[in-house]
Protein backbone atom coordinates (compact mmCIF):
# COMPACT_ATOMS: atom_id res chain seq x y z
CA UNK A 1 0.00 0.00 0.00
CA UNK A 2 1.41 3.42 -0.92
CA UNK A 3 1.60 6.37 1.43
CA UNK A 4 -1.38 8.09 -0.18
CA UNK A 5 -3.60 5.15 0.70
CA UNK A 6 -1.99 4.92 4.11
CA UNK A 7 -3.14 8.39 5.11
CA UNK A 8 -6.74 7.68 4.18
CA UNK A 9 -7.04 5.92 7.52
CA UNK A 10 -6.85 9.23 9.31
CA UNK A 11 -10.36 9.83 7.98
CA UNK A 12 -11.95 6.94 9.83
CA UNK A 13 -13.86 7.92 12.91
CA UNK A 14 -14.21 4.67 14.75
CA UNK A 15 -11.70 1.85 15.09
CA UNK A 16 -11.09 -0.95 17.58
CA UNK A 17 -11.84 -2.90 20.67
CA UNK A 18 -11.87 -1.80 23.92
CA UNK A 19 -12.05 1.49 22.39
CA UNK A 20 -14.23 0.80 19.47
CA UNK A 21 -17.14 2.17 21.45
CA UNK A 22 -18.94 3.46 18.47
CA UNK A 23 -22.43 4.35 17.45
CA UNK A 24 -24.93 7.12 17.71
CA UNK A 25 -25.57 8.90 20.97
CA UNK A 26 -29.09 7.55 21.08
CA UNK A 27 -28.98 4.19 19.33
CA UNK A 28 -32.39 2.69 18.80
CA UNK A 29 -34.45 5.33 20.58
CA UNK A 30 -37.12 5.50 17.92
CA UNK A 31 -39.91 8.05 17.77
CA UNK A 32 -41.70 7.66 21.06
CA UNK A 33 -44.45 10.23 21.46
CA UNK A 34 -45.10 12.16 24.65
CA UNK A 35 -48.85 12.38 25.19
CA UNK A 36 -49.07 12.91 28.93
CA UNK A 37 -47.28 16.19 29.62
CA UNK A 38 -48.86 19.64 29.36
CA UNK A 39 -46.54 22.62 28.94
CA UNK A 40 -46.81 25.22 31.74
CA UNK A 41 -44.69 27.96 30.20
CA UNK A 42 -41.92 27.51 32.80
CA UNK A 43 -38.95 26.59 30.60
CA UNK A 44 -36.87 25.14 33.43
CA UNK A 45 -39.63 23.01 34.91
CA UNK A 46 -41.04 21.96 31.54
CA UNK A 47 -37.61 21.16 30.10
CA UNK A 48 -36.58 19.08 33.12
CA UNK A 49 -39.83 17.09 33.02
CA UNK A 50 -39.76 16.55 29.25
CA UNK A 51 -36.17 15.31 29.38
CA UNK A 52 -36.95 12.96 32.25
CA UNK A 53 -40.05 11.59 30.53
CA UNK A 54 -38.63 11.17 27.03
CA UNK A 55 -34.85 10.85 27.05
CA UNK A 56 -34.65 8.22 29.78
CA UNK A 57 -36.73 5.80 27.71
CA UNK A 58 -33.59 4.86 25.83
CA UNK A 59 -30.64 5.49 28.15
CA UNK A 60 -29.61 6.92 31.50
CA UNK A 61 -30.34 10.60 32.09
CA UNK A 62 -27.66 12.97 30.80
CA UNK A 63 -27.39 15.75 33.41
CA UNK A 64 -27.50 19.20 31.88
CA UNK A 65 -24.11 20.12 33.35
CA UNK A 66 -22.20 17.24 31.73
CA UNK A 67 -21.77 19.16 28.46
CA UNK A 68 -21.27 22.83 27.63
CA UNK A 69 -23.76 25.11 25.90
CA UNK A 70 -21.98 25.08 22.56
CA UNK A 71 -21.82 21.28 22.38
CA UNK A 72 -25.47 20.89 23.32
CA UNK A 73 -26.50 23.48 20.72
CA UNK A 74 -24.33 22.54 17.75
CA UNK A 75 -23.73 18.81 18.17
CA UNK A 76 -25.67 16.80 20.72
CA UNK A 77 -29.17 18.23 20.41
CA UNK A 78 -29.16 18.21 16.57
CA UNK A 79 -28.01 14.57 16.75
CA UNK A 80 -30.86 13.74 19.13
CA UNK A 81 -33.62 15.59 17.30
CA UNK A 82 -34.56 13.06 14.65
CA UNK A 83 -35.19 10.38 17.28
CA UNK A 84 -38.13 12.51 18.39
CA UNK A 85 -39.52 13.24 14.92
CA UNK A 86 -37.82 16.65 14.63
CA UNK A 87 -35.50 17.72 11.82
CA UNK A 88 -32.48 19.95 12.34
CA UNK A 89 -31.44 22.42 9.64
CA UNK A 90 -29.09 25.43 9.63
CA UNK A 91 -29.18 25.81 13.41
CA UNK A 92 -32.97 25.53 13.66
CA UNK A 93 -35.63 22.84 13.89
CA UNK A 94 -38.82 22.08 11.97
CA UNK A 95 -41.59 19.51 11.55
CA UNK A 96 -44.01 18.93 8.69
CA UNK A 97 -47.43 20.51 9.11
CA UNK A 98 -49.14 17.13 9.43
CA UNK A 99 -46.32 15.39 11.26
CA UNK A 100 -47.62 14.15 14.63
CA UNK A 101 -44.88 11.60 15.40
CA UNK A 102 -42.55 12.14 18.34
CA UNK A 103 -42.52 15.39 20.30
CA UNK A 104 -44.31 18.52 19.16
CA UNK A 105 -42.08 21.30 17.91
CA UNK A 106 -42.98 23.37 20.99
CA UNK A 107 -41.94 20.55 23.30
CA UNK A 108 -38.65 20.07 21.48
CA UNK A 109 -37.89 23.79 21.51
CA UNK A 110 -38.57 23.78 25.27
CA UNK A 111 -35.96 21.04 25.72
CA UNK A 112 -33.47 23.04 23.61
CA UNK A 113 -34.13 26.19 25.67
CA UNK A 114 -33.75 24.23 28.91
CA UNK A 115 -30.27 23.05 27.98
CA UNK A 116 -29.27 26.49 26.73
CA UNK A 117 -30.36 28.15 29.96
CA UNK A 118 -28.76 25.70 32.41
CA UNK A 119 -25.76 24.21 30.62
CA UNK A 120 -22.40 25.68 31.70
CA UNK A 121 -20.13 27.63 29.38
CA UNK A 122 -17.22 25.38 30.27
CA UNK A 123 -16.53 22.24 32.28
CA UNK A 124 -14.07 22.52 35.18
CA UNK A 125 -11.03 20.29 34.89
CA UNK A 126 -11.10 17.49 37.45
CA UNK A 127 -8.48 17.69 40.16
CA UNK A 128 -6.39 14.58 40.57
CA UNK A 129 -6.84 13.45 44.20
CA UNK A 130 -3.25 12.17 44.31
CA UNK A 131 -0.53 13.76 42.17
CA UNK A 132 1.22 11.67 39.54
CA UNK A 133 4.76 10.47 40.17
CA UNK A 134 6.80 10.75 36.98
CA UNK A 135 8.84 7.53 36.69
CA UNK A 136 8.91 4.14 34.96
CA UNK A 137 7.53 2.36 38.06
CA UNK A 138 9.80 -0.65 37.57
CA UNK A 139 9.16 -1.11 33.86
CA UNK A 140 11.81 -1.03 31.13
CA UNK A 141 10.97 0.22 27.63
CA UNK A 142 11.46 -2.20 24.74
CA UNK A 143 10.75 -1.25 21.11
CA UNK A 144 10.69 -3.05 17.76
CA UNK A 145 12.12 -1.60 14.57
CA UNK A 146 10.38 1.40 13.08
CA UNK A 147 8.01 0.96 10.17
CA UNK A 148 8.47 2.88 6.92
CA UNK A 149 5.04 4.47 7.24
CA UNK A 150 2.81 5.72 10.06
CA UNK A 151 1.39 2.85 12.08
CA UNK A 152 -2.30 2.26 12.73
CA UNK A 153 -2.10 -0.61 15.19
CA UNK A 154 -5.52 -1.99 16.08
CA UNK A 155 -4.36 -5.05 18.02
CA UNK A 156 -1.28 -6.07 20.00
CA UNK A 157 -1.59 -9.30 21.98
CA UNK A 158 0.66 -11.94 23.58
CA UNK A 159 0.14 -15.67 23.11
CA UNK A 160 0.52 -17.09 26.65
CA UNK A 161 1.57 -20.46 25.23
CA UNK A 162 4.37 -19.35 22.90
CA UNK A 163 5.01 -15.85 24.34
CA UNK A 164 4.98 -14.41 20.84
CA UNK A 165 3.40 -11.02 20.16
CA UNK A 166 0.74 -10.70 17.46
CA UNK A 167 -0.22 -7.34 15.98
CA UNK A 168 -2.55 -6.06 13.29
CA UNK A 169 -2.40 -2.76 11.44
CA UNK A 170 -5.25 -1.06 9.61
CA UNK A 171 -2.92 -0.19 6.71
CA UNK A 172 -1.89 -3.71 5.76
CA UNK A 173 -4.77 -5.90 7.04
CA UNK A 174 -2.24 -8.50 8.13
CA UNK A 175 -1.51 -10.50 11.26
CA UNK A 176 2.15 -9.91 12.15
CA UNK A 177 4.14 -12.21 14.43
CA UNK A 178 7.00 -10.94 16.63
CA UNK A 179 9.48 -13.00 18.63
CA UNK A 180 10.84 -12.37 22.14
CA UNK A 181 13.49 -10.06 20.66
CA UNK A 182 10.73 -8.02 19.01
CA UNK A 183 11.85 -9.15 15.57
CA UNK A 184 9.20 -9.65 12.92
CA UNK A 185 8.87 -13.36 12.11
CA UNK A 186 6.06 -13.59 9.59
CA UNK A 187 2.89 -12.01 8.29
CA UNK A 188 -0.45 -13.61 7.51
CA UNK A 189 -3.17 -12.05 5.35
CA UNK A 190 -6.47 -11.08 6.97
CA UNK A 191 -9.80 -10.13 5.36
CA UNK A 192 -9.74 -6.91 7.42
CA UNK A 193 -7.81 -5.54 10.34
CA UNK A 194 -7.89 -7.60 13.54
CA UNK A 195 -9.01 -6.09 16.83
CA UNK A 196 -9.06 -9.09 19.19
CA UNK A 197 -7.40 -12.48 19.61
CA UNK A 198 -7.78 -15.40 21.99
CA UNK A 199 -5.15 -18.13 22.05
CA UNK A 200 -5.49 -21.82 22.87
CA UNK A 201 -4.03 -25.28 22.31
CA UNK A 202 -6.25 -27.95 20.81
CA UNK A 203 -6.42 -31.54 22.08
CA UNK A 204 -3.45 -32.42 19.87
CA UNK A 205 -1.34 -29.62 21.34
CA UNK A 206 -1.54 -27.41 18.23
CA UNK A 207 -1.33 -23.68 18.93
CA UNK A 208 -4.39 -21.89 17.64
CA UNK A 209 -5.88 -18.41 17.72
CA UNK A 210 -9.37 -17.04 17.20
CA UNK A 211 -9.02 -13.69 15.45
CA UNK A 212 -11.82 -11.10 15.29
CA UNK A 213 -11.56 -9.06 12.07
CA UNK A 214 -13.75 -5.98 12.31
CA UNK A 215 -14.68 -5.60 8.64
CA UNK A 216 -15.67 -1.94 8.54
CA UNK A 217 -13.40 0.37 10.47
CA UNK A 218 -15.75 3.29 10.16
CA UNK A 219 -18.94 3.21 12.19
CA UNK A 220 -21.49 2.18 9.57
CA UNK A 221 -23.97 -0.66 9.36
CA UNK A 222 -22.23 -2.83 6.79
CA UNK A 223 -21.85 -6.30 8.35
CA UNK A 224 -18.75 -7.79 6.76
CA UNK A 225 -16.77 -8.69 9.87
CA UNK A 226 -15.39 -12.19 10.32
CA UNK A 227 -13.98 -14.44 13.03
CA UNK A 228 -11.23 -16.78 11.85
CA UNK A 229 -9.40 -19.67 13.46
CA UNK A 230 -5.67 -19.85 12.75
CA UNK A 231 -3.35 -22.82 13.07
CA UNK A 232 -0.36 -20.90 14.39
CA UNK A 233 2.00 -23.85 13.98
CA UNK A 234 1.33 -24.20 10.25
CA UNK A 235 3.72 -22.61 7.79
CA UNK A 236 1.20 -22.60 4.95
CA UNK A 237 -0.47 -19.19 5.02
CA UNK A 238 -3.11 -20.35 2.53
CA UNK A 239 -4.43 -23.31 4.52
CA UNK A 240 -3.70 -22.31 8.11
CA UNK A 241 -6.99 -20.51 8.64
CA UNK A 242 -10.65 -21.49 8.70
CA UNK A 243 -13.78 -19.37 8.86
CA UNK A 244 -15.81 -19.52 12.09
CA UNK A 245 -18.32 -16.74 11.43
CA UNK A 246 -18.91 -14.04 8.82
CA UNK A 247 -21.40 -11.30 7.93
CA UNK A 248 -20.91 -9.89 11.42
CA UNK A 249 -21.67 -6.33 12.52
CA UNK A 250 -18.19 -5.08 13.39
CA UNK A 251 -17.07 -7.88 15.75
CA UNK A 252 -14.82 -6.39 18.44
CA UNK A 253 -14.35 -9.36 20.77
CA UNK A 254 -14.78 -13.12 20.89
CA UNK A 255 -14.92 -15.04 24.19
CA UNK A 256 -15.08 -18.80 24.70
CA UNK A 257 -16.93 -21.12 27.07
CA UNK A 258 -18.91 -24.35 27.24
CA UNK A 259 -22.31 -22.76 27.72
CA UNK A 260 -24.41 -25.93 27.29
CA UNK A 261 -22.04 -28.31 29.13
CA UNK A 262 -21.64 -30.69 26.21
CA UNK A 263 -17.84 -30.73 26.35
CA UNK A 264 -17.46 -28.56 23.25
CA UNK A 265 -16.19 -24.98 23.27
CA UNK A 266 -18.81 -22.43 22.25
CA UNK A 267 -18.21 -18.78 21.39
CA UNK A 268 -19.82 -15.46 22.20
CA UNK A 269 -19.10 -12.70 19.68
CA UNK A 270 -19.72 -9.02 20.30
CA UNK A 271 -21.04 -7.42 17.12
CA UNK A 272 -20.67 -3.80 18.09
CA UNK A 273 -22.29 -2.52 14.92
CA UNK A 274 -23.48 1.06 14.63
CA UNK A 275 -27.26 1.34 14.77
CA UNK A 276 -27.52 -2.42 14.32
CA UNK A 277 -25.51 -5.02 16.17
CA UNK A 278 -25.76 -7.49 19.00
CA UNK A 279 -24.26 -10.16 21.21
CA UNK A 280 -24.29 -13.57 19.57
CA UNK A 281 -23.89 -17.13 20.81
CA UNK A 282 -22.13 -19.54 18.46
CA UNK A 283 -22.85 -23.06 19.70
CA UNK A 284 -20.34 -25.65 18.53
CA UNK A 285 -21.96 -28.73 17.02
CA UNK A 286 -20.60 -32.29 17.13
CA UNK A 287 -19.22 -31.91 13.60
CA UNK A 288 -17.39 -28.74 14.82
CA UNK A 289 -19.60 -26.41 12.81
CA UNK A 290 -21.37 -23.57 14.65
CA UNK A 291 -25.01 -22.58 15.06
CA UNK A 292 -25.72 -18.90 15.70
CA UNK A 293 -28.27 -17.50 18.17
CA UNK A 294 -28.86 -13.94 19.35
CA UNK A 295 -28.44 -13.14 23.05
CA UNK A 296 -29.37 -9.48 22.51
CA UNK A 297 -29.71 -7.28 19.46
CA UNK A 298 -28.50 -4.20 21.32
CA UNK A 299 -25.57 -2.56 19.48
CA UNK A 300 -22.61 -0.91 21.16
CA UNK A 301 -21.01 -3.80 23.07
CA UNK A 302 -17.33 -3.16 23.86
CA UNK A 303 -16.24 -6.00 26.15
CA UNK A 304 -17.44 -9.30 27.64
CA UNK A 305 -16.29 -11.49 30.51
CA UNK A 306 -17.32 -15.14 31.01
CA UNK A 307 -17.89 -16.66 34.47
CA UNK A 308 -20.31 -18.55 36.68
CA UNK A 309 -21.81 -15.46 38.28
CA UNK A 310 -24.63 -17.13 40.24
CA UNK A 311 -22.66 -20.24 41.27
CA UNK A 312 -25.05 -22.70 39.64
CA UNK A 313 -22.35 -24.57 37.72
CA UNK A 314 -23.24 -23.02 34.35
CA UNK A 315 -21.22 -20.38 32.54
CA UNK A 316 -22.71 -16.89 32.17
CA UNK A 317 -21.50 -13.72 30.45
CA UNK A 318 -21.22 -10.09 31.51
CA UNK A 319 -21.20 -7.39 28.80
CA UNK A 320 -20.33 -3.68 28.84
CA UNK A 321 -22.08 -1.45 26.30
CA UNK A 322 -20.29 1.77 25.39
CA UNK A 323 -22.76 3.71 23.26
CA UNK A 324 -26.47 4.44 23.31
CA UNK A 325 -27.85 2.70 26.39
CA UNK A 326 -24.48 2.48 28.13
CA UNK A 327 -24.04 0.14 31.03
CA UNK A 328 -23.12 -3.27 32.37
CA UNK A 329 -25.45 -6.23 31.81
CA UNK A 330 -25.25 -9.76 33.19
CA UNK A 331 -26.66 -12.58 31.07
CA UNK A 332 -27.36 -15.65 33.21
CA UNK A 333 -27.40 -19.08 31.62
CA UNK A 334 -30.96 -20.51 31.64
CA UNK A 335 -29.63 -24.10 31.22
CA UNK A 336 -31.73 -24.42 28.08
CA UNK A 337 -29.57 -22.78 25.44
CA UNK A 338 -30.45 -19.20 26.29
CA UNK A 339 -29.79 -16.41 28.77
CA UNK A 340 -31.79 -14.11 31.03
CA UNK A 341 -30.57 -10.52 31.30
CA UNK A 342 -30.06 -8.34 34.35
CA UNK A 343 -28.82 -4.76 34.27
CA UNK A 344 -26.17 -4.06 36.89
CA UNK A 345 -25.20 -0.44 36.13
CA UNK A 346 -26.26 2.26 33.68
CA UNK A 347 -24.17 5.23 32.61
CA UNK A 348 -25.10 8.40 30.71
CA UNK A 349 -24.19 8.13 27.01
CA UNK A 350 -21.58 10.89 27.38
CA UNK A 351 -19.41 8.55 29.49
CA UNK A 352 -18.12 6.55 26.54
CA UNK A 353 -17.63 3.30 28.49
CA UNK A 354 -14.48 1.56 27.29
CA UNK A 355 -13.49 -1.40 29.50
CA UNK A 356 -14.13 -3.36 32.67
CA UNK A 357 -12.58 -6.10 34.77
CA UNK A 358 -13.77 -8.12 37.74
CA UNK A 359 -11.26 -8.40 40.60
CA UNK A 360 -11.51 -8.83 44.36
CA UNK A 361 -9.91 -5.53 45.35
CA UNK A 362 -10.63 -5.71 49.11
CA UNK A 363 -10.19 -9.49 49.45
CA UNK A 364 -13.66 -10.09 50.86
CA UNK A 365 -14.42 -12.96 48.50
CA UNK A 366 -16.67 -10.90 46.20
CA UNK A 367 -15.39 -9.67 42.81
CA UNK A 368 -15.39 -5.89 42.56
CA UNK A 369 -15.68 -3.90 39.34
CA UNK A 370 -12.87 -1.95 37.67
CA UNK A 371 -14.41 0.28 35.00
CA UNK A 372 -13.14 2.94 32.60
CA UNK A 373 -14.97 5.72 30.77
CA UNK A 374 -13.38 7.85 28.10
CA UNK A 375 -14.30 7.21 24.49
CA UNK A 376 -14.43 10.78 23.23
CA UNK A 377 -15.38 10.72 19.58
CA UNK A 378 -19.16 10.79 19.80
CA UNK A 379 -21.11 14.05 19.37
CA UNK A 380 -19.30 15.83 22.23
CA UNK A 381 -15.54 15.88 21.66
CA UNK A 382 -14.47 17.87 24.70
CA UNK A 383 -12.48 16.96 27.77
CA UNK A 384 -14.81 15.59 30.45
CA UNK A 385 -14.01 15.61 34.18
CA UNK A 386 -16.03 12.42 34.76
CA UNK A 387 -13.86 10.35 32.41
CA UNK A 388 -11.40 8.11 34.17
CA UNK A 389 -10.86 5.01 36.28
CA UNK A 390 -13.66 3.86 38.59
CA UNK A 391 -13.79 1.06 41.14
CA UNK A 392 -17.19 -0.21 42.28
CA UNK A 393 -17.36 -2.36 45.41
CA UNK A 394 -19.47 -5.51 45.19
CA UNK A 395 -21.87 -5.20 48.11
CA UNK A 396 -23.21 -8.71 47.48
CA UNK A 397 -25.36 -10.26 44.76
CA UNK A 398 -23.59 -8.08 42.17
CA UNK A 399 -24.90 -4.87 43.71
CA UNK A 400 -22.14 -2.39 42.80
CA UNK A 401 -21.50 0.85 44.69
CA UNK A 402 -18.87 3.35 43.57
CA UNK A 403 -15.94 3.26 45.98
CA UNK A 404 -13.12 5.08 44.21
CA UNK A 405 -12.50 7.35 41.21
CA UNK A 406 -9.40 8.81 39.59
CA UNK A 407 -10.03 11.33 36.76
CA UNK A 408 -8.25 10.53 33.49
CA UNK A 409 -9.27 12.32 30.31
CA UNK A 410 -10.25 9.84 27.61
CA UNK A 411 -9.43 6.71 29.60
CA UNK A 412 -9.42 3.69 27.29
CA UNK A 413 -8.55 0.61 29.30
CA UNK A 414 -7.60 -0.60 32.78
CA UNK A 415 -5.95 -3.93 33.58
CA UNK A 416 -5.35 -5.15 37.13
CA UNK A 417 -2.60 -7.69 37.79
CA UNK A 418 -0.11 -8.70 40.45
CA UNK A 419 2.82 -7.03 38.69
CA UNK A 420 5.16 -7.30 41.70
CA UNK A 421 4.28 -10.84 42.70
CA UNK A 422 3.48 -9.70 46.24
CA UNK A 423 -0.24 -10.43 46.26
CA UNK A 424 -1.29 -6.84 45.56
CA UNK A 425 -3.49 -6.03 42.57
CA UNK A 426 -1.97 -3.03 40.83
CA UNK A 427 -3.72 -1.36 37.90
CA UNK A 428 -2.37 0.08 34.67
CA UNK A 429 -4.46 2.42 32.52
CA UNK A 430 -4.15 3.80 29.01
CA UNK A 431 -5.95 6.86 27.64
CA UNK A 432 -6.19 7.30 23.88
CA UNK A 433 -8.18 10.51 24.28
CA UNK A 434 -5.97 11.95 27.02
CA UNK A 435 -5.34 15.68 27.21
CA UNK A 436 -2.27 15.30 25.00
CA UNK A 437 -1.98 19.06 24.64
CA UNK A 438 -1.70 19.92 28.33
CA UNK A 439 -1.27 16.67 30.26
CA UNK A 440 0.14 13.84 28.08
CA UNK A 441 1.39 12.09 31.21
CA UNK A 442 -2.14 10.81 31.87
CA UNK A 443 -2.04 8.70 28.72
CA UNK A 444 -0.33 5.87 30.63
CA UNK A 445 -0.63 5.52 34.42
CA UNK A 446 0.44 2.69 36.73
CA UNK A 447 -1.51 2.58 39.99
CA UNK A 448 0.57 0.94 42.70
CA UNK A 449 -1.71 -0.55 45.36
CA UNK A 450 -0.91 0.61 48.89
CA UNK A 451 -4.03 -1.01 50.33
CA UNK A 452 -7.65 -1.70 49.29
CA UNK A 453 -8.88 1.29 47.24
CA UNK A 454 -5.63 3.17 47.97
CA UNK A 455 -3.13 3.75 45.17
CA UNK A 456 0.06 5.60 44.33
CA UNK A 457 -0.22 6.69 40.66
CA UNK A 458 2.89 6.65 38.46
CA UNK A 459 2.88 8.55 35.16
CA UNK A 460 4.96 6.35 32.88
CA UNK A 461 6.81 8.71 30.48
CA UNK A 462 5.96 6.91 27.25
CA UNK A 463 3.81 9.49 25.46
CA UNK A 464 6.63 10.48 23.09
CA UNK A 465 6.73 6.94 21.69
CA UNK A 466 3.14 6.71 20.52
CA UNK A 467 -0.57 7.12 21.16
CA UNK A 468 -1.95 4.00 22.72
CA UNK A 469 -5.15 2.70 21.18
CA UNK A 470 -4.61 -0.85 22.47
CA UNK A 471 -3.15 -2.25 25.66
CA UNK A 472 -2.73 -5.86 26.79
CA UNK A 473 -0.87 -7.58 29.60
CA UNK A 474 1.09 -10.79 29.05
CA UNK A 475 4.42 -12.46 29.74
CA UNK A 476 6.24 -11.85 26.46
CA UNK A 477 9.73 -12.83 27.71
CA UNK A 478 8.64 -15.94 29.67
CA UNK A 479 10.10 -14.82 33.01
CA UNK A 480 6.88 -15.35 34.97
CA UNK A 481 6.09 -11.64 35.26
CA UNK A 482 3.26 -9.82 33.45
CA UNK A 483 4.52 -7.28 30.92
CA UNK A 484 2.51 -4.57 29.13
CA UNK A 485 2.13 -4.31 25.34
CA UNK A 486 0.80 -1.06 23.87
CA UNK A 487 -0.33 -0.62 20.25
CA UNK A 488 0.37 2.74 18.60
CA UNK A 489 -2.34 4.27 16.44
CA UNK A 490 -0.07 6.99 15.13
CA UNK A 491 -2.42 9.40 13.38
CA UNK A 492 -6.04 10.48 13.35
CA UNK A 493 -8.78 11.05 15.94
CA UNK A 494 -7.61 14.56 16.72
CA UNK A 495 -10.19 16.33 18.89
CA UNK A 496 -8.21 19.24 20.37
CA UNK A 497 -8.20 22.18 17.91
CA UNK A 498 -4.76 23.39 16.89
CA UNK A 499 -2.93 20.53 18.55
CA UNK A 500 0.04 19.05 16.68
CA UNK A 501 1.06 15.45 17.52
CA UNK A 502 4.52 15.05 18.98
CA UNK A 503 4.77 11.27 19.32
CA UNK A 504 6.53 8.73 17.10
CA UNK A 505 4.07 7.76 14.37
CA UNK A 506 6.22 4.99 12.89
CA UNK A 507 6.60 2.75 15.93
CA UNK A 508 4.04 -0.10 15.73
CA UNK A 509 4.03 -0.92 19.45
CA UNK A 510 6.10 -0.84 22.61
CA UNK A 511 6.63 -3.29 25.43
CA UNK A 512 6.94 -2.31 29.08
CA UNK A 513 9.10 -5.12 30.39
CA UNK A 514 8.36 -5.87 34.02
CA UNK A 515 11.52 -5.65 36.14
CA UNK A 516 9.78 -5.06 39.48
CA UNK A 517 10.84 -6.76 42.68
CA UNK A 518 8.72 -7.66 45.67
């Protein structure tokens, strides 16, 4: 691919996993009419009531002070209007004379006036409760050779069985293999760029990988994503892969489990989609083919975790949705080939939910929730003080209560691990939409645990080496310690006016080698 074609990728507005939280602000709202409210003429009271009645039908309430006046006026409200049967044009709104669907024009204008009256002119920057310590926190930087063109890394993962690193780049649509010396070993063709991989050995000991290829990078409803199975031990790049699923709505993650207890590994695939998508169960049949069923047709899924969440001996799945009706849902196995859903948390659609992890932070035997918010390329591309790293304590029966928060602009992912080998769960975060203009240090933070819900944050000085769209933890050098692998998406997604990137665009990824001691 020549350089001209390479730079076309800066145009794309949505790429990737954990951060591929794409879609419209109000996915699937539809035109739901309001027939019960009578306007009083009090803009504040009427606006508050109309918003509560209508907007919460599709997602959590967006408080008026979460966005500034200009964003509400020019971006968010025009994007919302058509879901209520109102058309936006040249800064104004209109409805057809005989159009009775959705809200009346007077009701919609009352909502617009409400936001314009109460929304702030600016959002205050969040104060960090504990200052960042600028050091490498026990990590050592390792880098591969530079590429000849800007890198658009959409996946960087470590195979725990072979300790090799696998990457994918949106320019080449290839799966690239790197050895422990970070030397490129081989490349395998993909139908589209990969955004997720899970590694396994089959019963014969053959190393395999399930690769999720997103299909469409841009956030449109064109379902041409695929999930492939690779024989990683084969040297024949033409016969080493087989198709598991195709015609998928932007698959961003595949997770495995035996959901019907028949001894065969089934799959759950997150089809993030745009306005259309869903979470799909692929049941493995005795002949090793797969049968597809829909768990939910809600688009916007960003991450899933498999586990037996109600201790009944059957595997369940928990899914985070990062656009539209944002929140965390638990799908409990009904022992009959299906799942029953339970909402655990809902977040306003300005949060841009990006990742989660279950971990027992306070060692009370109940998994707590580590959660990040920070996708910042929806209809409100401004720094938000509520973006960052959250920890919710599990009060029992998966009732989560927020226990801790550290503000990080544009936080993309958090991974907790025992990096020191001392029994403490430390957390590392990446932030693709960090305030790179004023505070690039927040793009990569290592939270050293001092005690339950008590951390010392280290700003790892790696921002000059890239902009981290992907982050994974794995033991790449086979020394028994978890290392950190960060994929560099070198160009695009600029949301701060006038800002000029300063990082290395031609470095495909970096490794933070773990040299910590107890």
